[in-house]
């Protein structure tokens, strides 16, 4: 029973702050600069999540050749930029990570 109450509580805490904004979106016209700026939110959030894993090891900057996450990340960014193909980007990014780890243990 406690788990159900916990899930319901988390649902309310997550949903209620967003509902107000969503309810107003249909009634109030959003300024164009704000609408254009919101397009960058997903990329910004993803970068904030991924970059520490690519650049840091044990809390310090790691730009060494054996940093397989950084190498695979750079290759993945290049593949995504050139091909704009999500599946190919994921496959080649994972392959780059595995190959880099095999070559530079």
PDB file of N, CA and C in Angstrom:
ATOM      1  N   UNK A   1       0.823  -1.206   0.000  1.00  0.00           N
ATOM      2  CA  UNK A   1       0.000   0.000   0.000  1.00  0.00           C
ATOM      3  C   UNK A   1       0.859   1.259   0.000  1.00  0.00           C
ATOM      4  N   UNK A   2       1.969   1.220   0.732  1.00  0.00           N
ATOM      5  CA  UNK A   2       2.840   2.389   0.772  1.00  0.00           C
ATOM      6  C   UNK A   2       3.414   2.708  -0.604  1.00  0.00           C
ATOM      7  N   UNK A   3       3.696   1.655  -1.379  1.00  0.00           N
ATOM      8  CA  UNK A   3       4.245   1.875  -2.716  1.00  0.00           C
ATOM      9  C   UNK A   3       3.238   2.583  -3.614  1.00  0.00           C
ATOM     10  N   UNK A   4       1.965   2.205  -3.492  1.00  0.00           N
ATOM     11  CA  UNK A   4       0.919   2.828  -4.297  1.00  0.00           C
ATOM     12  C   UNK A   4       0.789   4.301  -3.925  1.00  0.00           C
ATOM     13  N   UNK A   5       0.801   4.596  -2.644  1.00  0.00           N
ATOM     14  CA  UNK A   5       0.726   5.990  -2.206  1.00  0.00           C
ATOM     15  C   UNK A   5       1.948   6.776  -2.664  1.00  0.00           C
ATOM     16  N   UNK A   6       3.090   6.163  -2.620  1.00  0.00           N
ATOM     17  CA  UNK A   6       4.309   6.824  -3.079  1.00  0.00           C
ATOM     18  C   UNK A   6       4.231   7.141  -4.568  1.00  0.00           C
ATOM     19  N   UNK A   7       3.763   6.188  -5.364  1.00  0.00           N
ATOM     20  CA  UNK A   7       3.638   6.411  -6.804  1.00  0.00           C
ATOM     21  C   UNK A   7       2.598   7.495  -7.094  1.00  0.00           C
ATOM     22  N   UNK A   8       1.479   7.470  -6.397  1.00  0.00           N
ATOM     23  CA  UNK A   8       0.461   8.509  -6.581  1.00  0.00           C
ATOM     24  C   UNK A   8       0.999   9.878  -6.188  1.00  0.00           C
ATOM     25  N   UNK A   9       1.740   9.942  -5.104  1.00  0.00           N
ATOM     26  CA  UNK A   9       2.339  11.207  -4.674  1.00  0.00           C
ATOM     27  C   UNK A   9       3.332  11.736  -5.692  1.00  0.00           C
ATOM     28  N   UNK A  10       4.176  10.853  -6.212  1.00  0.00           N
ATOM     29  CA  UNK A  10       5.142  11.280  -7.229  1.00  0.00           C
ATOM     30  C   UNK A  10       4.429  11.729  -8.499  1.00  0.00           C
ATOM     31  N   UNK A  11       3.319  11.060  -8.833  1.00  0.00           N
ATOM     32  CA  UNK A  11       2.549  11.450 -10.003  1.00  0.00           C
ATOM     33  C   UNK A  11       1.994  12.856  -9.840  1.00  0.00           C
ATOM     34  N   UNK A  12       1.436  13.141  -8.683  1.00  0.00           N
ATOM     35  CA  UNK A  12       0.882  14.476  -8.435  1.00  0.00           C
ATOM     36  C   UNK A  12       1.967  15.547  -8.444  1.00  0.00           C
ATOM     37  N   UNK A  13       3.079  15.266  -7.802  1.00  0.00           N
ATOM     38  CA  UNK A  13       4.165  16.246  -7.739  1.00  0.00           C
ATOM     39  C   UNK A  13       4.748  16.503  -9.124  1.00  0.00           C
ATOM     40  N   UNK A  14       4.739  15.509  -9.969  1.00  0.00           N
ATOM     41  CA  UNK A  14       5.262  15.674 -11.322  1.00  0.00           C
ATOM     42  C   UNK A  14       4.232  16.325 -12.241  1.00  0.00           C
ATOM     43  N   UNK A  15       2.984  15.942 -12.109  1.00  0.00           N
ATOM     44  CA  UNK A  15       1.955  16.377 -13.049  1.00  0.00           C
ATOM     45  C   UNK A  15       1.438  17.785 -12.767  1.00  0.00           C
ATOM     46  N   UNK A  16       1.167  18.119 -11.529  1.00  0.00           N
ATOM     47  CA  UNK A  16       0.521  19.393 -11.213  1.00  0.00           C
ATOM     48  C   UNK A  16       1.310  20.624 -11.678  1.00  0.00           C
ATOM     49  N   UNK A  17       2.613  20.719 -11.455  1.00  0.00           N
ATOM     50  CA  UNK A  17       3.312  21.914 -11.945  1.00  0.00           C
ATOM     51  C   UNK A  17       3.278  22.051 -13.471  1.00  0.00           C
ATOM     52  N   UNK A  18       3.232  20.944 -14.169  1.00  0.00           N
ATOM     53  CA  UNK A  18       3.209  20.996 -15.626  1.00  0.00           C
ATOM     54  C   UNK A  18       1.813  21.271 -16.180  1.00  0.00           C
ATOM     55  N   UNK A  19       0.797  20.854 -15.468  1.00  0.00           N
ATOM     56  CA  UNK A  19      -0.561  21.001 -15.969  1.00  0.00           C
ATOM     57  C   UNK A  19      -0.940  22.466 -16.145  1.00  0.00           C
ATOM     58  N   UNK A  20      -0.530  23.303 -15.216  1.00  0.00           N
ATOM     59  CA  UNK A  20      -0.847  24.728 -15.331  1.00  0.00           C
ATOM     60  C   UNK A  20      -0.298  25.327 -16.604  1.00  0.00           C
ATOM     61  N   UNK A  21       0.921  25.001 -16.924  1.00  0.00           N
ATOM     62  CA  UNK A  21       1.539  25.516 -18.143  1.00  0.00           C
ATOM     63  C   UNK A  21       0.832  24.956 -19.371  1.00  0.00           C
ATOM     64  N   UNK A  22       0.544  23.661 -19.365  1.00  0.00           N
ATOM     65  CA  UNK A  22      -0.132  23.051 -20.513  1.00  0.00           C
ATOM     66  C   UNK A  22      -1.538  23.608 -20.704  1.00  0.00           C
ATOM     67  N   UNK A  23      -2.238  23.887 -19.618  1.00  0.00           N
ATOM     68  CA  UNK A  23      -3.586  24.428 -19.720  1.00  0.00           C
ATOM     69  C   UNK A  23      -3.564  25.839 -20.299  1.00  0.00           C
ATOM     70  N   UNK A  24      -2.549  26.620 -19.963  1.00  0.00           N
ATOM     71  CA  UNK A  24      -2.460  27.983 -20.478  1.00  0.00           C
ATOM     72  C   UNK A  24      -1.971  28.041 -21.921  1.00  0.00           C
ATOM     73  N   UNK A  25      -1.263  27.017 -22.372  1.00  0.00           N
ATOM     74  CA  UNK A  25      -0.685  27.037 -23.720  1.00  0.00           C
ATOM     75  C   UNK A  25      -1.753  27.232 -24.793  1.00  0.00           C
ATOM     76  N   UNK A  26      -2.919  26.673 -24.612  1.00  0.00           N
ATOM     77  CA  UNK A  26      -3.974  26.808 -25.607  1.00  0.00           C
ATOM     78  C   UNK A  26      -4.673  28.147 -25.553  1.00  0.00           C
ATOM     79  N   UNK A  27      -4.556  28.868 -24.457  1.00  0.00           N
ATOM     80  CA  UNK A  27      -5.285  30.119 -24.283  1.00  0.00           C
ATOM     81  C   UNK A  27      -4.424  31.359 -24.492  1.00  0.00           C
ATOM     82  N   UNK A  28      -3.143  31.226 -24.230  1.00  0.00           N
ATOM     83  CA  UNK A  28      -2.245  32.373 -24.342  1.00  0.00           C
ATOM     84  C   UNK A  28      -1.264  32.108 -25.485  1.00  0.00           C
ATOM     85  N   UNK A  29      -1.110  33.101 -26.343  1.00  0.00           N
ATOM     86  CA  UNK A  29      -0.157  32.940 -27.439  1.00  0.00           C
ATOM     87  C   UNK A  29       1.259  33.197 -26.920  1.00  0.00           C
ATOM     88  N   UNK A  30       2.125  32.245 -27.209  1.00  0.00           N
ATOM     89  CA  UNK A  30       3.497  32.331 -26.731  1.00  0.00           C
ATOM     90  C   UNK A  30       4.305  33.231 -27.667  1.00  0.00           C
ATOM     91  N   UNK A  31       5.163  34.099 -27.112  1.00  0.00           N
ATOM     92  CA  UNK A  31       5.998  34.936 -27.977  1.00  0.00           C
ATOM     93  C   UNK A  31       6.916  34.073 -28.851  1.00  0.00           C
ATOM     94  N   UNK A  32       7.134  34.518 -30.079  1.00  0.00           N
ATOM     95  CA  UNK A  32       7.963  33.748 -31.024  1.00  0.00           C
ATOM     96  C   UNK A  32       9.376  33.492 -30.509  1.00  0.00           C
ATOM     97  N   UNK A  33      10.063  34.470 -29.893  1.00  0.00           N
ATOM     98  CA  UNK A  33      11.415  34.181 -29.394  1.00  0.00           C
ATOM     99  C   UNK A  33      11.432  33.073 -28.333  1.00  0.00           C
ATOM    100  N   UNK A  34      10.433  33.050 -27.465  1.00  0.00           N
ATOM    101  CA  UNK A  34      10.349  32.002 -26.448  1.00  0.00           C
ATOM    102  C   UNK A  34      10.097  30.646 -27.108  1.00  0.00           C
ATOM    103  N   UNK A  35       9.210  30.617 -28.090  1.00  0.00           N
ATOM    104  CA  UNK A  35       8.912  29.376 -28.793  1.00  0.00           C
ATOM    105  C   UNK A  35      10.151  28.849 -29.511  1.00  0.00           C
ATOM    106  N   UNK A  36      10.935  29.745 -30.134  1.00  0.00           N
ATOM    107  CA  UNK A  36      12.160  29.328 -30.810  1.00  0.00           C
ATOM    108  C   UNK A  36      13.202  28.840 -29.805  1.00  0.00           C
ATOM    109  N   UNK A  37      13.281  29.483 -28.646  1.00  0.00           N
ATOM    110  CA  UNK A  37      14.257  29.088 -27.629  1.00  0.00           C
ATOM    111  C   UNK A  37      13.919  27.706 -27.052  1.00  0.00           C
ATOM    112  N   UNK A  38      12.654  27.378 -26.940  1.00  0.00           N
ATOM    113  CA  UNK A  38      12.250  26.087 -26.382  1.00  0.00           C
ATOM    114  C   UNK A  38      12.652  24.919 -27.274  1.00  0.00           C
ATOM    115  N   UNK A  39      12.939  25.176 -28.541  1.00  0.00           N
ATOM    116  CA  UNK A  39      13.391  24.105 -29.435  1.00  0.00           C
ATOM    117  C   UNK A  39      14.740  23.549 -28.995  1.00  0.00           C
ATOM    118  N   UNK A  40      15.524  24.328 -28.272  1.00  0.00           N
ATOM    119  CA  UNK A  40      16.866  23.903 -27.869  1.00  0.00           C
ATOM    120  C   UNK A  40      16.894  23.192 -26.509  1.00  0.00           C
ATOM    121  N   UNK A  41      15.788  23.122 -25.826  1.00  0.00           N
ATOM    122  CA  UNK A  41      15.757  22.497 -24.502  1.00  0.00           C
ATOM    123  C   UNK A  41      16.160  21.025 -24.541  1.00  0.00           C
ATOM    124  N   UNK A  42      15.633  20.191 -25.446  1.00  0.00           N
ATOM    125  CA  UNK A  42      16.033  18.775 -25.442  1.00  0.00           C
ATOM    126  C   UNK A  42      17.537  18.576 -25.671  1.00  0.00           C
ATOM    127  N   UNK A  43      18.111  19.332 -26.589  1.00  0.00           N
ATOM    128  CA  UNK A  43      19.540  19.204 -26.864  1.00  0.00           C
ATOM    129  C   UNK A  43      20.356  19.636 -25.648  1.00  0.00           C
ATOM    130  N   UNK A  44      19.930  20.699 -24.993  1.00  0.00           N
ATOM    131  CA  UNK A  44      20.629  21.194 -23.816  1.00  0.00           C
ATOM    132  C   UNK A  44      20.572  20.192 -22.676  1.00  0.00           C
ATOM    133  N   UNK A  45      19.413  19.621 -22.443  1.00  0.00           N
ATOM    134  CA  UNK A  45      19.270  18.649 -21.351  1.00  0.00           C
ATOM    135  C   UNK A  45      20.087  17.396 -21.645  1.00  0.00           C
ATOM    136  N   UNK A  46      20.029  16.903 -22.872  1.00  0.00           N
ATOM    137  CA  UNK A  46      20.813  15.725 -23.239  1.00  0.00           C
ATOM    138  C   UNK A  46      22.310  15.991 -23.083  1.00  0.00           C
ATOM    139  N   UNK A  47      22.759  17.164 -23.485  1.00  0.00           N
ATOM    140  CA  UNK A  47      24.174  17.513 -23.325  1.00  0.00           C
ATOM    141  C   UNK A  47      24.575  17.554 -21.860  1.00  0.00           C
ATOM    142  N   UNK A  48      23.715  18.107 -21.029  1.00  0.00           N
ATOM    143  CA  UNK A  48      24.023  18.179 -19.601  1.00  0.00           C
ATOM    144  C   UNK A  48      24.101  16.796 -18.966  1.00  0.00           C
ATOM    145  N   UNK A  49      23.351  15.854 -19.485  1.00  0.00           N
ATOM    146  CA  UNK A  49      23.387  14.488 -18.959  1.00  0.00           C
ATOM    147  C   UNK A  49      24.602  13.731 -19.463  1.00  0.00           C
ATOM    148  N   UNK A  50      24.940  13.891 -20.742  1.00  0.00           N
ATOM    149  CA  UNK A  50      25.967  13.072 -21.384  1.00  0.00           C
ATOM    150  C   UNK A  50      27.389  13.599 -21.174  1.00  0.00           C
ATOM    151  N   UNK A  51      27.584  14.892 -21.224  1.00  0.00           N
ATOM    152  CA  UNK A  51      28.943  15.454 -21.212  1.00  0.00           C
ATOM    153  C   UNK A  51      29.777  15.054 -19.991  1.00  0.00           C
ATOM    154  N   UNK A  52      29.238  15.021 -18.788  1.00  0.00           N
ATOM    155  CA  UNK A  52      30.076  14.574 -17.658  1.00  0.00           C
ATOM    156  C   UNK A  52      30.603  13.149 -17.844  1.00  0.00           C
ATOM    157  N   UNK A  53      29.798  12.263 -18.426  1.00  0.00           N
ATOM    158  CA  UNK A  53      30.267  10.894 -18.663  1.00  0.00           C
ATOM    159  C   UNK A  53      31.358  10.849 -19.723  1.00  0.00           C
ATOM    160  N   UNK A  54      31.282  11.744 -20.693  1.00  0.00           N
ATOM    161  CA  UNK A  54      32.292  11.756 -21.751  1.00  0.00           C
ATOM    162  C   UNK A  54      33.615  12.348 -21.276  1.00  0.00           C
ATOM    163  N   UNK A  55      33.559  13.361 -20.437  1.00  0.00           N
ATOM    164  CA  UNK A  55      34.761  14.123 -20.109  1.00  0.00           C
ATOM    165  C   UNK A  55      35.376  13.821 -18.748  1.00  0.00           C
ATOM    166  N   UNK A  56      34.608  13.288 -17.817  1.00  0.00           N
ATOM    167  CA  UNK A  56      35.103  13.118 -16.458  1.00  0.00           C
ATOM    168  C   UNK A  56      35.310  11.656 -16.103  1.00  0.00           C
ATOM    169  N   UNK A  57      36.351  11.416 -15.315  1.00  0.00           N
ATOM    170  CA  UNK A  57      36.573  10.100 -14.735  1.00  0.00           C
ATOM    171  C   UNK A  57      37.027  10.330 -13.299  1.00  0.00           C
ATOM    172  N   UNK A  58      36.291   9.793 -12.362  1.00  0.00           N
ATOM    173  CA  UNK A  58      36.559   9.976 -10.937  1.00  0.00           C
ATOM    174  C   UNK A  58      36.633  11.448 -10.563  1.00  0.00           C
ATOM    175  N   UNK A  59      35.789  12.270 -11.176  1.00  0.00           N
ATOM    176  CA  UNK A  59      35.692  13.673 -10.827  1.00  0.00           C
ATOM    177  C   UNK A  59      36.728  14.590 -11.447  1.00  0.00           C
ATOM    178  N   UNK A  60      37.595  14.072 -12.302  1.00  0.00           N
ATOM    179  CA  UNK A  60      38.585  14.937 -12.942  1.00  0.00           C
ATOM    180  C   UNK A  60      38.521  14.763 -14.462  1.00  0.00           C
ATOM    181  N   UNK A  61      38.982  15.792 -15.157  1.00  0.00           N
ATOM    182  CA  UNK A  61      38.940  15.796 -16.610  1.00  0.00           C
ATOM    183  C   UNK A  61      39.802  14.681 -17.181  1.00  0.00           C
ATOM    184  N   UNK A  62      39.250  13.909 -18.121  1.00  0.00           N
ATOM    185  CA  UNK A  62      39.964  12.781 -18.713  1.00  0.00           C
ATOM    186  C   UNK A  62      39.934  12.916 -20.231  1.00  0.00           C
ATOM    187  N   UNK A  63      41.029  13.427 -20.792  1.00  0.00           N
ATOM    188  CA  UNK A  63      41.150  13.561 -22.238  1.00  0.00           C
ATOM    189  C   UNK A  63      42.157  12.573 -22.804  1.00  0.00           C
ATOM    190  N   UNK A  64      42.405  11.489 -22.070  1.00  0.00           N
ATOM    191  CA  UNK A  64      43.400  10.503 -22.481  1.00  0.00           C
ATOM    192  C   UNK A  64      42.895   9.687 -23.665  1.00  0.00           C
ATOM    193  N   UNK A  65      43.820   9.047 -24.339  1.00  0.00           N
ATOM    194  CA  UNK A  65      43.502   8.232 -25.504  1.00  0.00           C
ATOM    195  C   UNK A  65      42.659   7.009 -25.137  1.00  0.00           C
ATOM    196  N   UNK A  66      42.767   6.549 -23.910  1.00  0.00           N
ATOM    197  CA  UNK A  66      41.992   5.375 -23.504  1.00  0.00           C
ATOM    198  C   UNK A  66      40.593   5.731 -22.990  1.00  0.00           C
ATOM    199  N   UNK A  67      40.170   6.968 -23.128  1.00  0.00           N
ATOM    200  CA  UNK A  67      38.813   7.369 -22.752  1.00  0.00           C
ATOM    201  C   UNK A  67      37.865   6.963 -23.881  1.00  0.00           C
ATOM    202  N   UNK A  68      37.358   5.751 -23.787  1.00  0.00           N
ATOM    203  CA  UNK A  68      36.518   5.205 -24.857  1.00  0.00           C
ATOM    204  C   UNK A  68      35.194   5.952 -24.992  1.00  0.00           C
ATOM    205  N   UNK A  69      34.675   6.476 -23.894  1.00  0.00           N
ATOM    206  CA  UNK A  69      33.411   7.223 -23.972  1.00  0.00           C
ATOM    207  C   UNK A  69      33.581   8.492 -24.800  1.00  0.00           C
ATOM    208  N   UNK A  70      34.679   9.198 -24.580  1.00  0.00           N
ATOM    209  CA  UNK A  70      34.922  10.429 -25.331  1.00  0.00           C
ATOM    210  C   UNK A  70      35.136  10.130 -26.812  1.00  0.00           C
ATOM    211  N   UNK A  71      35.938   9.130 -27.110  1.00  0.00           N
ATOM    212  CA  UNK A  71      36.198   8.781 -28.511  1.00  0.00           C
ATOM    213  C   UNK A  71      34.908   8.358 -29.217  1.00  0.00           C
ATOM    214  N   UNK A  72      34.143   7.498 -28.579  1.00  0.00           N
ATOM    215  CA  UNK A  72      32.881   7.056 -29.183  1.00  0.00           C
ATOM    216  C   UNK A  72      31.889   8.211 -29.291  1.00  0.00           C
ATOM    217  N   UNK A  73      31.904   9.100 -28.311  1.00  0.00           N
ATOM    218  CA  UNK A  73      31.023  10.269 -28.370  1.00  0.00           C
ATOM    219  C   UNK A  73      31.347  11.173 -29.536  1.00  0.00           C
ATOM    220  N   UNK A  74      32.630  11.413 -29.778  1.00  0.00           N
ATOM    221  CA  UNK A  74      33.035  12.246 -30.910  1.00  0.00           C
ATOM    222  C   UNK A  74      32.639  11.589 -32.233  1.00  0.00           C
ATOM    223  N   UNK A  75      32.890  10.298 -32.349  1.00  0.00           N
ATOM    224  CA  UNK A  75      32.512   9.577 -33.569  1.00  0.00           C
ATOM    225  C   UNK A  75      30.995   9.601 -33.763  1.00  0.00           C
ATOM    226  N   UNK A  76      30.255   9.423 -32.688  1.00  0.00           N
ATOM    227  CA  UNK A  76      28.795   9.431 -32.752  1.00  0.00           C
ATOM    228  C   UNK A  76      28.277  10.796 -33.191  1.00  0.00           C
ATOM    229  N   UNK A  77      28.858  11.857 -32.655  1.00  0.00           N
ATOM    230  CA  UNK A  77      28.443  13.211 -33.046  1.00  0.00           C
ATOM    231  C   UNK A  77      28.703  13.437 -34.535  1.00  0.00           C
ATOM    232  N   UNK A  78      29.866  12.997 -35.007  1.00  0.00           N
ATOM    233  CA  UNK A  78      30.187  13.162 -36.424  1.00  0.00           C
ATOM    234  C   UNK A  78      29.231  12.373 -37.321  1.00  0.00           C
ATOM    235  N   UNK A  79      28.920  11.135 -36.924  1.00  0.00           N
ATOM    236  CA  UNK A  79      27.990  10.314 -37.716  1.00  0.00           C
ATOM    237  C   UNK A  79      26.604  10.952 -37.734  1.00  0.00           C
ATOM    238  N   UNK A  80      26.141  11.430 -36.578  1.00  0.00           N
ATOM    239  CA  UNK A  80      24.820  12.061 -36.514  1.00  0.00           C
ATOM    240  C   UNK A  80      24.774  13.318 -37.366  1.00  0.00           C
ATOM    241  N   UNK A  81      25.832  14.098 -37.323  1.00  0.00           N
ATOM    242  CA  UNK A  81      25.892  15.339 -38.081  1.00  0.00           C
ATOM    243  C   UNK A  81      25.880  15.080 -39.585  1.00  0.00           C
ATOM    244  N   UNK A  82      26.639  14.082 -40.019  1.00  0.00           N
ATOM    245  CA  UNK A  82      26.764  13.828 -41.447  1.00  0.00           C
ATOM    246  C   UNK A  82      25.575  13.060 -42.025  1.00  0.00           C
ATOM    247  N   UNK A  83      25.039  12.096 -41.286  1.00  0.00           N
ATOM    248  CA  UNK A  83      24.005  11.234 -41.858  1.00  0.00           C
ATOM    249  C   UNK A  83      22.587  11.623 -41.465  1.00  0.00           C
ATOM    250  N   UNK A  84      22.400  12.219 -40.294  1.00  0.00           N
ATOM    251  CA  UNK A  84      21.066  12.548 -39.762  1.00  0.00           C
ATOM    252  C   UNK A  84      20.171  11.302 -39.672  1.00  0.00           C
ATOM    253  N   UNK A  85      20.805  10.142 -39.446  1.00  0.00           N
ATOM    254  CA  UNK A  85      20.101   8.868 -39.367  1.00  0.00           C
ATOM    255  C   UNK A  85      20.272   8.330 -37.943  1.00  0.00           C
ATOM    256  N   UNK A  86      19.186   8.274 -37.187  1.00  0.00           N
ATOM    257  CA  UNK A  86      19.258   7.898 -35.782  1.00  0.00           C
ATOM    258  C   UNK A  86      19.757   6.474 -35.583  1.00  0.00           C
ATOM    259  N   UNK A  87      19.215   5.517 -36.330  1.00  0.00           N
ATOM    260  CA  UNK A  87      19.617   4.125 -36.164  1.00  0.00           C
ATOM    261  C   UNK A  87      21.093   3.923 -36.507  1.00  0.00           C
ATOM    262  N   UNK A  88      21.540   4.490 -37.601  1.00  0.00           N
ATOM    263  CA  UNK A  88      22.945   4.384 -37.983  1.00  0.00           C
ATOM    264  C   UNK A  88      23.847   5.043 -36.934  1.00  0.00           C
ATOM    265  N   UNK A  89      23.412   6.150 -36.391  1.00  0.00           N
ATOM    266  CA  UNK A  89      24.189   6.840 -35.357  1.00  0.00           C
ATOM    267  C   UNK A  89      24.348   5.961 -34.120  1.00  0.00           C
ATOM    268  N   UNK A  90      23.268   5.327 -33.684  1.00  0.00           N
ATOM    269  CA  UNK A  90      23.325   4.465 -32.503  1.00  0.00           C
ATOM    270  C   UNK A  90      24.224   3.259 -32.764  1.00  0.00           C
ATOM    271  N   UNK A  91      24.039   2.618 -33.905  1.00  0.00           N
ATOM    272  CA  UNK A  91      24.817   1.415 -34.223  1.00  0.00           C
ATOM    273  C   UNK A  91      26.300   1.742 -34.340  1.00  0.00           C
ATOM    274  N   UNK A  92      26.640   2.782 -35.089  1.00  0.00           N
ATOM    275  CA  UNK A  92      28.052   3.125 -35.262  1.00  0.00           C
ATOM    276  C   UNK A  92      28.667   3.677 -33.976  1.00  0.00           C
ATOM    277  N   UNK A  93      27.871   4.362 -33.170  1.00  0.00           N
ATOM    278  CA  UNK A  93      28.377   4.836 -31.878  1.00  0.00           C
ATOM    279  C   UNK A  93      28.719   3.687 -30.949  1.00  0.00           C
ATOM    280  N   UNK A  94      27.858   2.691 -30.882  1.00  0.00           N
ATOM    281  CA  UNK A  94      28.141   1.516 -30.042  1.00  0.00           C
ATOM    282  C   UNK A  94      29.319   0.724 -30.595  1.00  0.00           C
ATOM    283  N   UNK A  95      29.381   0.579 -31.916  1.00  0.00           N
ATOM    284  CA  UNK A  95      30.513  -0.129 -32.523  1.00  0.00           C
ATOM    285  C   UNK A  95      31.816   0.607 -32.232  1.00  0.00           C
ATOM    286  N   UNK A  96      31.786   1.932 -32.309  1.00  0.00           N
ATOM    287  CA  UNK A  96      32.984   2.723 -32.009  1.00  0.00           C
ATOM    288  C   UNK A  96      33.418   2.519 -30.566  1.00  0.00           C
ATOM    289  N   UNK A  97      32.466   2.474 -29.653  1.00  0.00           N
ATOM    290  CA  UNK A  97      32.793   2.255 -28.243  1.00  0.00           C
ATOM    291  C   UNK A  97      33.440   0.896 -28.051  1.00  0.00           C
ATOM    292  N   UNK A  98      32.867  -0.149 -28.630  1.00  0.00           N
ATOM    293  CA  UNK A  98      33.419  -1.500 -28.471  1.00  0.00           C
ATOM    294  C   UNK A  98      34.791  -1.636 -29.114  1.00  0.00           C
ATOM    295  N   UNK A  99      34.955  -1.079 -30.301  1.00  0.00           N
ATOM    296  CA  UNK A  99      36.250  -1.163 -30.981  1.00  0.00           C
ATOM    297  C   UNK A  99      37.305  -0.388 -30.202  1.00  0.00           C
ATOM    298  N   UNK A 100      36.954   0.823 -29.741  1.00  0.00           N
ATOM    299  CA  UNK A 100      37.912   1.632 -28.986  1.00  0.00           C
ATOM    300  C   UNK A 100      38.348   0.920 -27.708  1.00  0.00           C
ATOM    301  N   UNK A 101      37.400   0.268 -27.039  1.00  0.00           N
ATOM    302  CA  UNK A 101      37.750  -0.469 -25.826  1.00  0.00           C
ATOM    303  C   UNK A 101      38.631  -1.671 -26.133  1.00  0.00           C
ATOM    304  N   UNK A 102      38.450  -2.286 -27.296  1.00  0.00           N
ATOM    305  CA  UNK A 102      39.287  -3.434 -27.664  1.00  0.00           C
ATOM    306  C   UNK A 102      40.690  -2.987 -28.035  1.00  0.00           C
ATOM    307  N   UNK A 103      40.798  -1.852 -28.699  1.00  0.00           N
ATOM    308  CA  UNK A 103      42.115  -1.375 -29.149  1.00  0.00           C
ATOM    309  C   UNK A 103      42.891  -0.712 -28.019  1.00  0.00           C
ATOM    310  N   UNK A 104      42.213   0.072 -27.194  1.00  0.00           N
ATOM    311  CA  UNK A 104      42.851   0.788 -26.079  1.00  0.00           C
ATOM    312  C   UNK A 104      42.232   0.332 -24.755  1.00  0.00           C
ATOM    313  N   UNK A 105      42.667  -0.790 -24.218  1.00  0.00           N
ATOM    314  CA  UNK A 105      42.053  -1.334 -22.976  1.00  0.00           C
ATOM    315  C   UNK A 105      42.324  -0.471 -21.751  1.00  0.00           C
TER     316      UNK A 105
END
